[in-house]
Amino acid sequence: MGHQSELAREGDVLTATMAGYPLIVVNTAKGIKGYHNVCRHRAGPLFDEERGNCGGALTCRYHGWVYTLDGRLRNARDFGAAAGFDPRDYGLFELNVETWRGFVFVNVDAKAPALSTLLSPLDKRMGKRDLSKLVHTDRRTHDIACNWKVYVENYLEGYHIPLVHPQLNAEVDATKYEVTVDDGVCFHNAPTRNTGGVYDGLWAFVLPGLGVNVYENGLMMERMVPLSLGATRLIYDFYLTADAASDPVKRQSVISTSAIVTAEDKWICERVQANIEAGVYEAGVLSPKHEAGVAWFQAFVAAAIS
């Protein structure tokens, strides 16, 4: 959902829609809470901006029902007497909220395994990197005319880098590009060529659709959001060190480099989608050297829909 630094004050709010669920997290006096961004009256939104401050209460934008930050219904505005209506029965639907290295995650499944279990491989790989003091620097969105799985498969291999990404290929040594899978996380490592670029050489994909792209001065969290059968939205949130965030040159270098790579991925993924829709292609063969991550993801999808 975001970073704790974006929820510094009581009443600070972040919202998102994930897998069709409108979600909201808010800083309360008792820590960060998460809810479905849905009023219990007639499903109006409690907050209709991506981020901001709710002023101490969550107020439905439809009919004005007011909820405390801990989810209790405080006031059903001008509702009138109603037999059997007890405000205590109409609190907000709460979400599981957990944090990892300063980042805030939510889960709609009350029985889901702990976040620490899912991210354990990533935690080990990140080592002593301190992410708690990163600053949210920018958000960019990119819409791509392809199925989300086409984009994810492209993300999960470096085989295409020499042909599709000339600038990235000049910055990292694609001949030594490695992809490894550890439970629910797929890692990419490529040694940098010390050309003064912005990449750290480490990327991670967390099932089912989160990219963690590590830079020299921070990282970018990439949400891969399916919009329809043939459309995907990428939501990029850049988190940089305070020094890099305040330096226009360093800040723009990270964002522009990311934009170039994304434009190149957009170009190839949209053409792959068009070729799939043409009906000629059925199934290919995967390279054991380069496409182990793709095979892992395809097995995950097959198991999910079986």
Protein backbone atom coordinates (compact mmCIF):
# COMPACT_ATOMS: atom_id res chain seq x y z
CA MET A 1 0.00 0.00 0.00
CA GLY A 2 2.87 2.37 0.68
CA HIS A 3 5.53 3.35 3.18
CA GLN A 4 5.19 4.33 6.84
CA SER A 5 6.71 7.72 6.02
CA GLU A 6 3.55 8.44 3.99
CA LEU A 7 1.46 7.81 7.11
CA ALA A 8 3.44 9.98 9.51
CA ARG A 9 0.54 11.94 11.05
CA GLU A 10 -2.64 10.72 12.68
CA GLY A 11 -5.34 10.65 10.03
CA ASP A 12 -2.94 10.22 7.09
CA VAL A 13 -4.52 7.92 4.51
CA LEU A 14 -3.42 5.80 1.54
CA THR A 15 -5.88 4.09 -0.80
CA ALA A 16 -5.58 1.56 -3.60
CA THR A 17 -7.65 -0.92 -5.56
CA MET A 18 -6.14 -4.40 -5.67
CA ALA A 19 -7.75 -7.42 -7.32
CA GLY A 20 -10.97 -5.41 -7.50
CA TYR A 21 -10.98 -4.55 -3.78
CA PRO A 22 -11.04 -0.83 -2.84
CA LEU A 23 -8.68 -0.62 0.16
CA ILE A 24 -7.64 2.05 2.64
CA VAL A 25 -4.99 2.31 5.35
CA VAL A 26 -4.94 5.05 7.96
CA ASN A 27 -2.69 6.15 10.80
CA THR A 28 -4.67 5.93 14.04
CA ALA A 29 -3.64 6.68 17.59
CA LYS A 30 -3.06 2.93 17.96
CA GLY A 31 -0.98 2.40 14.83
CA ILE A 32 -1.84 1.74 11.20
CA LYS A 33 -5.24 0.19 10.47
CA GLY A 34 -6.62 -1.10 7.19
CA TYR A 35 -10.19 -1.39 5.90
CA HIS A 36 -12.18 -1.98 2.79
CA ASN A 37 -12.83 1.51 1.43
CA VAL A 38 -16.54 0.77 1.50
CA CYS A 39 -19.22 2.34 3.69
CA ARG A 40 -21.48 -0.15 5.47
CA HIS A 41 -24.59 1.86 4.52
CA ARG A 42 -24.78 1.69 0.70
CA ALA A 43 -21.20 1.06 -0.38
CA GLY A 44 -20.02 4.63 -0.84
CA PRO A 45 -16.29 5.48 -0.72
CA LEU A 46 -14.76 6.65 2.54
CA PHE A 47 -11.86 8.45 0.86
CA ASP A 48 -11.61 9.13 -2.86
CA GLU A 49 -8.01 10.29 -3.26
CA GLU A 50 -4.82 8.22 -3.45
CA ARG A 51 -3.36 9.90 -0.37
CA GLY A 52 -4.15 12.67 2.07
CA ASN A 53 -5.42 13.29 5.60
CA CYS A 54 -8.96 12.48 6.66
CA GLY A 55 -9.01 14.95 9.54
CA GLY A 56 -9.57 12.50 12.36
CA ALA A 57 -12.52 10.53 10.97
CA LEU A 58 -13.51 8.62 7.84
CA THR A 59 -16.64 10.14 6.30
CA CYS A 60 -18.55 8.44 3.51
CA ARG A 61 -18.67 10.62 0.38
CA TYR A 62 -22.18 9.34 -0.46
CA HIS A 63 -24.43 9.92 2.58
CA GLY A 64 -22.04 11.19 5.23
CA TRP A 65 -21.82 8.29 7.63
CA VAL A 66 -18.86 8.94 9.91
CA TYR A 67 -16.44 6.30 11.21
CA THR A 68 -13.76 6.64 13.86
CA LEU A 69 -10.22 5.80 12.76
CA ASP A 70 -10.49 2.47 14.59
CA GLY A 71 -13.43 1.52 12.33
CA ARG A 72 -16.44 2.12 14.59
CA LEU A 73 -19.54 3.82 13.21
CA ARG A 74 -19.74 7.12 15.09
CA ASN A 75 -22.61 8.86 13.32
CA ALA A 76 -25.23 7.72 10.80
CA ARG A 77 -25.99 11.27 9.62
CA ASP A 78 -29.68 12.24 9.72
CA PHE A 79 -30.65 8.59 9.53
CA GLY A 80 -33.77 8.67 11.70
CA ALA A 81 -35.18 6.04 14.01
CA ALA A 82 -34.91 2.51 12.62
CA ALA A 83 -36.11 -0.59 14.45
CA GLY A 84 -33.28 -2.98 15.28
CA PHE A 85 -30.52 -0.67 14.00
CA ASP A 86 -27.47 -0.86 16.24
CA PRO A 87 -24.44 1.23 15.11
CA ARG A 88 -22.15 -1.27 16.84
CA ASP A 89 -23.07 -3.82 14.17
CA TYR A 90 -21.92 -1.56 11.31
CA GLY A 91 -18.21 -1.05 11.82
CA LEU A 92 -15.88 -1.08 8.83
CA PHE A 93 -14.62 -4.34 7.36
CA GLU A 94 -11.06 -4.61 8.70
CA LEU A 95 -7.99 -5.91 6.86
CA ASN A 96 -4.82 -7.58 8.04
CA VAL A 97 -2.06 -4.95 8.12
CA GLU A 98 1.63 -5.82 8.43
CA THR A 99 4.85 -3.96 7.75
CA TRP A 100 8.14 -5.01 6.19
CA ARG A 101 11.18 -2.74 6.47
CA GLY A 102 8.92 0.30 6.67
CA PHE A 103 6.55 -0.74 3.87
CA VAL A 104 2.85 -1.28 4.64
CA PHE A 105 1.06 -4.35 3.28
CA VAL A 106 -2.57 -5.44 3.60
CA ASN A 107 -4.31 -8.77 3.09
CA VAL A 108 -8.06 -9.31 2.67
CA ASP A 109 -7.75 -12.92 3.87
CA ALA A 110 -7.88 -13.14 7.66
CA LYS A 111 -6.37 -16.64 7.50
CA ALA A 112 -3.45 -15.77 5.23
CA PRO A 113 0.08 -16.74 6.30
CA ALA A 114 2.18 -14.04 7.93
CA LEU A 115 3.79 -11.49 5.63
CA SER A 116 7.18 -12.37 7.12
CA THR A 117 6.78 -15.90 5.77
CA LEU A 118 6.08 -14.72 2.23
CA LEU A 119 8.87 -12.17 2.22
CA SER A 120 11.46 -14.20 4.09
CA PRO A 121 13.52 -14.91 0.93
CA LEU A 122 13.45 -11.23 0.00
CA ASP A 123 14.39 -10.19 3.52
CA LYS A 124 17.48 -12.40 3.40
CA ARG A 125 18.52 -11.10 -0.01
CA MET A 126 18.11 -7.45 0.98
CA GLY A 127 20.62 -7.94 3.79
CA LYS A 128 21.48 -4.83 5.75
CA ARG A 129 19.87 -2.34 3.37
CA ASP A 130 18.02 0.23 5.48
CA LEU A 131 14.69 1.00 3.80
CA SER A 132 12.99 2.58 6.81
CA LYS A 133 14.18 6.12 6.02
CA LEU A 134 13.37 6.17 2.32
CA VAL A 135 11.23 9.03 1.02
CA HIS A 136 8.31 8.63 -1.38
CA THR A 137 9.59 10.61 -4.35
CA ASP A 138 7.17 10.05 -7.21
CA ARG A 139 4.37 7.90 -8.60
CA ARG A 140 4.06 7.05 -12.28
CA THR A 141 1.49 4.86 -14.00
CA HIS A 142 1.78 3.08 -17.34
CA ASP A 143 -1.04 1.34 -19.20
CA ILE A 144 -0.07 -1.53 -21.47
CA ALA A 145 -2.36 -3.23 -24.00
CA CYS A 146 -1.55 -6.78 -22.99
CA ASN A 147 -2.69 -9.42 -20.55
CA TRP A 148 -0.97 -9.03 -17.20
CA LYS A 149 0.61 -12.49 -17.52
CA VAL A 150 2.35 -11.46 -20.75
CA TYR A 151 3.94 -8.56 -18.90
CA VAL A 152 4.90 -10.66 -15.87
CA GLU A 153 6.54 -13.30 -18.06
CA ASN A 154 8.54 -10.55 -19.74
CA TYR A 155 9.57 -9.22 -16.31
CA LEU A 156 10.72 -12.67 -15.21
CA GLU A 157 13.54 -13.14 -17.70
CA GLY A 158 16.60 -11.26 -18.88
CA TYR A 159 16.89 -13.21 -22.13
CA HIS A 160 15.41 -10.29 -24.09
CA ILE A 161 17.59 -7.53 -22.63
CA PRO A 162 20.28 -7.40 -25.39
CA LEU A 163 17.62 -6.96 -28.08
CA VAL A 164 14.95 -4.87 -26.35
CA HIS A 165 16.82 -2.73 -23.79
CA PRO A 166 20.01 -1.19 -25.24
CA GLN A 167 20.53 1.30 -22.40
CA LEU A 168 19.97 -1.32 -19.69
CA ASN A 169 22.19 -3.74 -21.59
CA ALA A 170 24.97 -1.14 -21.50
CA GLU A 171 24.60 -0.76 -17.75
CA VAL A 172 24.43 -4.44 -16.71
CA ASP A 173 26.24 -7.52 -18.00
CA ALA A 174 23.37 -9.51 -19.50
CA THR A 175 25.70 -12.46 -20.24
CA LYS A 176 25.91 -13.01 -16.46
CA TYR A 177 22.21 -12.39 -15.77
CA GLU A 178 20.88 -14.91 -13.25
CA VAL A 179 17.32 -15.81 -12.29
CA THR A 180 16.65 -17.83 -9.15
CA VAL A 181 13.42 -18.84 -7.43
CA ASP A 182 12.97 -19.08 -3.66
CA ASP A 183 9.42 -20.04 -2.58
CA GLY A 184 7.13 -17.13 -3.57
CA VAL A 185 9.90 -14.81 -4.76
CA CYS A 186 11.84 -14.78 -8.01
CA PHE A 187 15.20 -12.96 -7.98
CA HIS A 188 17.15 -11.39 -10.81
CA ASN A 189 20.81 -10.53 -10.47
CA ALA A 190 23.06 -8.94 -13.05
CA PRO A 191 26.46 -7.39 -12.31
CA THR A 192 26.62 -3.70 -13.20
CA ARG A 193 29.32 -2.40 -15.55
CA ASN A 194 30.16 0.63 -13.34
CA THR A 195 29.08 3.06 -16.05
CA GLY A 196 27.52 5.55 -13.65
CA GLY A 197 24.01 4.15 -14.12
CA VAL A 198 21.28 4.01 -11.48
CA TYR A 199 20.67 0.27 -11.11
CA ASP A 200 21.86 -1.88 -8.24
CA GLY A 201 21.59 -5.07 -10.31
CA LEU A 202 18.91 -6.66 -8.11
CA TRP A 203 15.24 -7.15 -9.01
CA ALA A 204 12.68 -9.28 -7.21
CA PHE A 205 9.18 -10.44 -8.15
CA VAL A 206 6.79 -11.40 -5.36
CA LEU A 207 3.74 -13.48 -6.26
CA PRO A 208 1.29 -12.64 -7.65
CA GLY A 209 2.19 -9.19 -9.02
CA LEU A 210 4.74 -7.07 -7.12
CA GLY A 211 8.10 -6.00 -8.49
CA VAL A 212 10.85 -4.70 -6.20
CA ASN A 213 13.36 -2.83 -8.35
CA VAL A 214 16.47 -1.84 -6.42
CA TYR A 215 18.45 1.27 -7.36
CA GLU A 216 21.71 2.64 -6.08
CA ASN A 217 19.83 5.33 -4.13
CA GLY A 218 16.64 3.49 -3.18
CA LEU A 219 14.04 1.32 -4.85
CA MET A 220 10.83 1.30 -6.83
CA MET A 221 7.79 -0.74 -5.85
CA GLU A 222 5.96 -1.88 -8.99
CA ARG A 223 2.37 -3.08 -8.79
CA MET A 224 1.16 -5.02 -11.83
CA VAL A 225 -2.61 -4.55 -11.95
CA PRO A 226 -4.84 -6.46 -14.41
CA LEU A 227 -7.48 -4.15 -15.92
CA SER A 228 -9.08 -6.56 -18.38
CA LEU A 229 -8.20 -9.57 -20.51
CA GLY A 230 -6.01 -7.40 -22.73
CA ALA A 231 -4.99 -4.48 -20.52
CA THR A 232 -2.58 -4.02 -17.61
CA ARG A 233 -1.70 -1.01 -15.48
CA LEU A 234 1.71 -0.61 -13.89
CA ILE A 235 1.84 1.56 -10.78
CA TYR A 236 5.37 2.69 -9.92
CA ASP A 237 6.13 4.19 -6.52
CA PHE A 238 9.69 5.51 -6.21
CA TYR A 239 11.30 5.59 -2.75
CA LEU A 240 14.72 7.21 -2.58
CA THR A 241 17.14 8.29 0.11
CA ALA A 242 16.54 11.81 1.39
CA ASP A 243 19.66 13.06 -0.41
CA ALA A 244 18.66 11.56 -3.75
CA ALA A 245 15.04 12.68 -3.39
CA SER A 246 16.14 16.29 -2.90
CA ASP A 247 18.63 16.19 -5.79
CA PRO A 248 16.77 16.97 -9.07
CA VAL A 249 19.47 15.31 -11.20
CA LYS A 250 19.57 12.02 -9.26
CA ARG A 251 15.79 11.96 -8.94
CA GLN A 252 15.19 12.51 -12.64
CA SER A 253 17.88 10.01 -13.60
CA VAL A 254 16.05 7.20 -11.80
CA ILE A 255 12.62 8.14 -13.16
CA SER A 256 13.75 8.68 -16.75
CA THR A 257 15.74 5.43 -16.82
CA SER A 258 12.69 3.55 -15.58
CA ALA A 259 10.50 5.24 -18.20
CA ILE A 260 12.82 4.20 -21.03
CA VAL A 261 12.86 0.55 -19.97
CA THR A 262 9.07 0.54 -19.51
CA ALA A 263 8.47 2.02 -22.96
CA GLU A 264 10.60 -0.74 -24.46
CA ASP A 265 8.73 -3.41 -22.48
CA LYS A 266 5.42 -1.89 -23.53
CA TRP A 267 6.45 -2.08 -27.18
CA ILE A 268 7.39 -5.78 -27.09
CA CYS A 269 4.57 -6.93 -24.79
CA GLU A 270 1.89 -5.29 -26.92
CA ARG A 271 3.26 -7.00 -30.02
CA VAL A 272 3.39 -10.36 -28.26
CA GLN A 273 -0.24 -9.84 -27.20
CA ALA A 274 -1.27 -9.02 -30.77
CA ASN A 275 0.49 -12.12 -32.07
CA ILE A 276 -1.20 -14.32 -29.46
CA GLU A 277 -4.59 -12.88 -30.42
CA ALA A 278 -3.88 -13.61 -34.09
CA GLY A 279 -4.40 -17.29 -33.22
CA VAL A 280 -1.29 -18.76 -34.85
CA TYR A 281 0.84 -19.21 -31.75
CA GLU A 282 -0.08 -22.02 -29.37
CA ALA A 283 2.82 -22.75 -27.01
CA GLY A 284 6.57 -22.41 -27.17
CA VAL A 285 9.52 -24.01 -25.43
CA LEU A 286 11.27 -22.35 -22.50
CA SER A 287 15.01 -21.95 -22.13
CA PRO A 288 16.33 -23.78 -19.05
CA LYS A 289 19.21 -21.29 -18.99
CA HIS A 290 17.15 -18.09 -19.11
CA GLU A 291 13.47 -18.77 -18.44
CA ALA A 292 13.25 -20.69 -15.17
CA GLY A 293 11.30 -17.77 -13.70
CA VAL A 294 8.75 -17.95 -16.52
CA ALA A 295 8.29 -21.69 -15.97
CA TRP A 296 7.82 -21.08 -12.22
CA PHE A 297 5.18 -18.42 -12.88
CA GLN A 298 3.34 -20.56 -15.43
CA ALA A 299 3.19 -23.40 -12.89
CA PHE A 300 1.75 -20.98 -10.31
CA VAL A 301 -0.95 -19.81 -12.74
CA ALA A 302 -1.79 -23.37 -13.80
CA ALA A 303 -2.19 -24.44 -10.17
CA ALA A 304 -4.33 -21.39 -9.37
CA ILE A 305 -6.84 -22.07 -12.13
CA SER A 306 -6.93 -25.86 -11.95
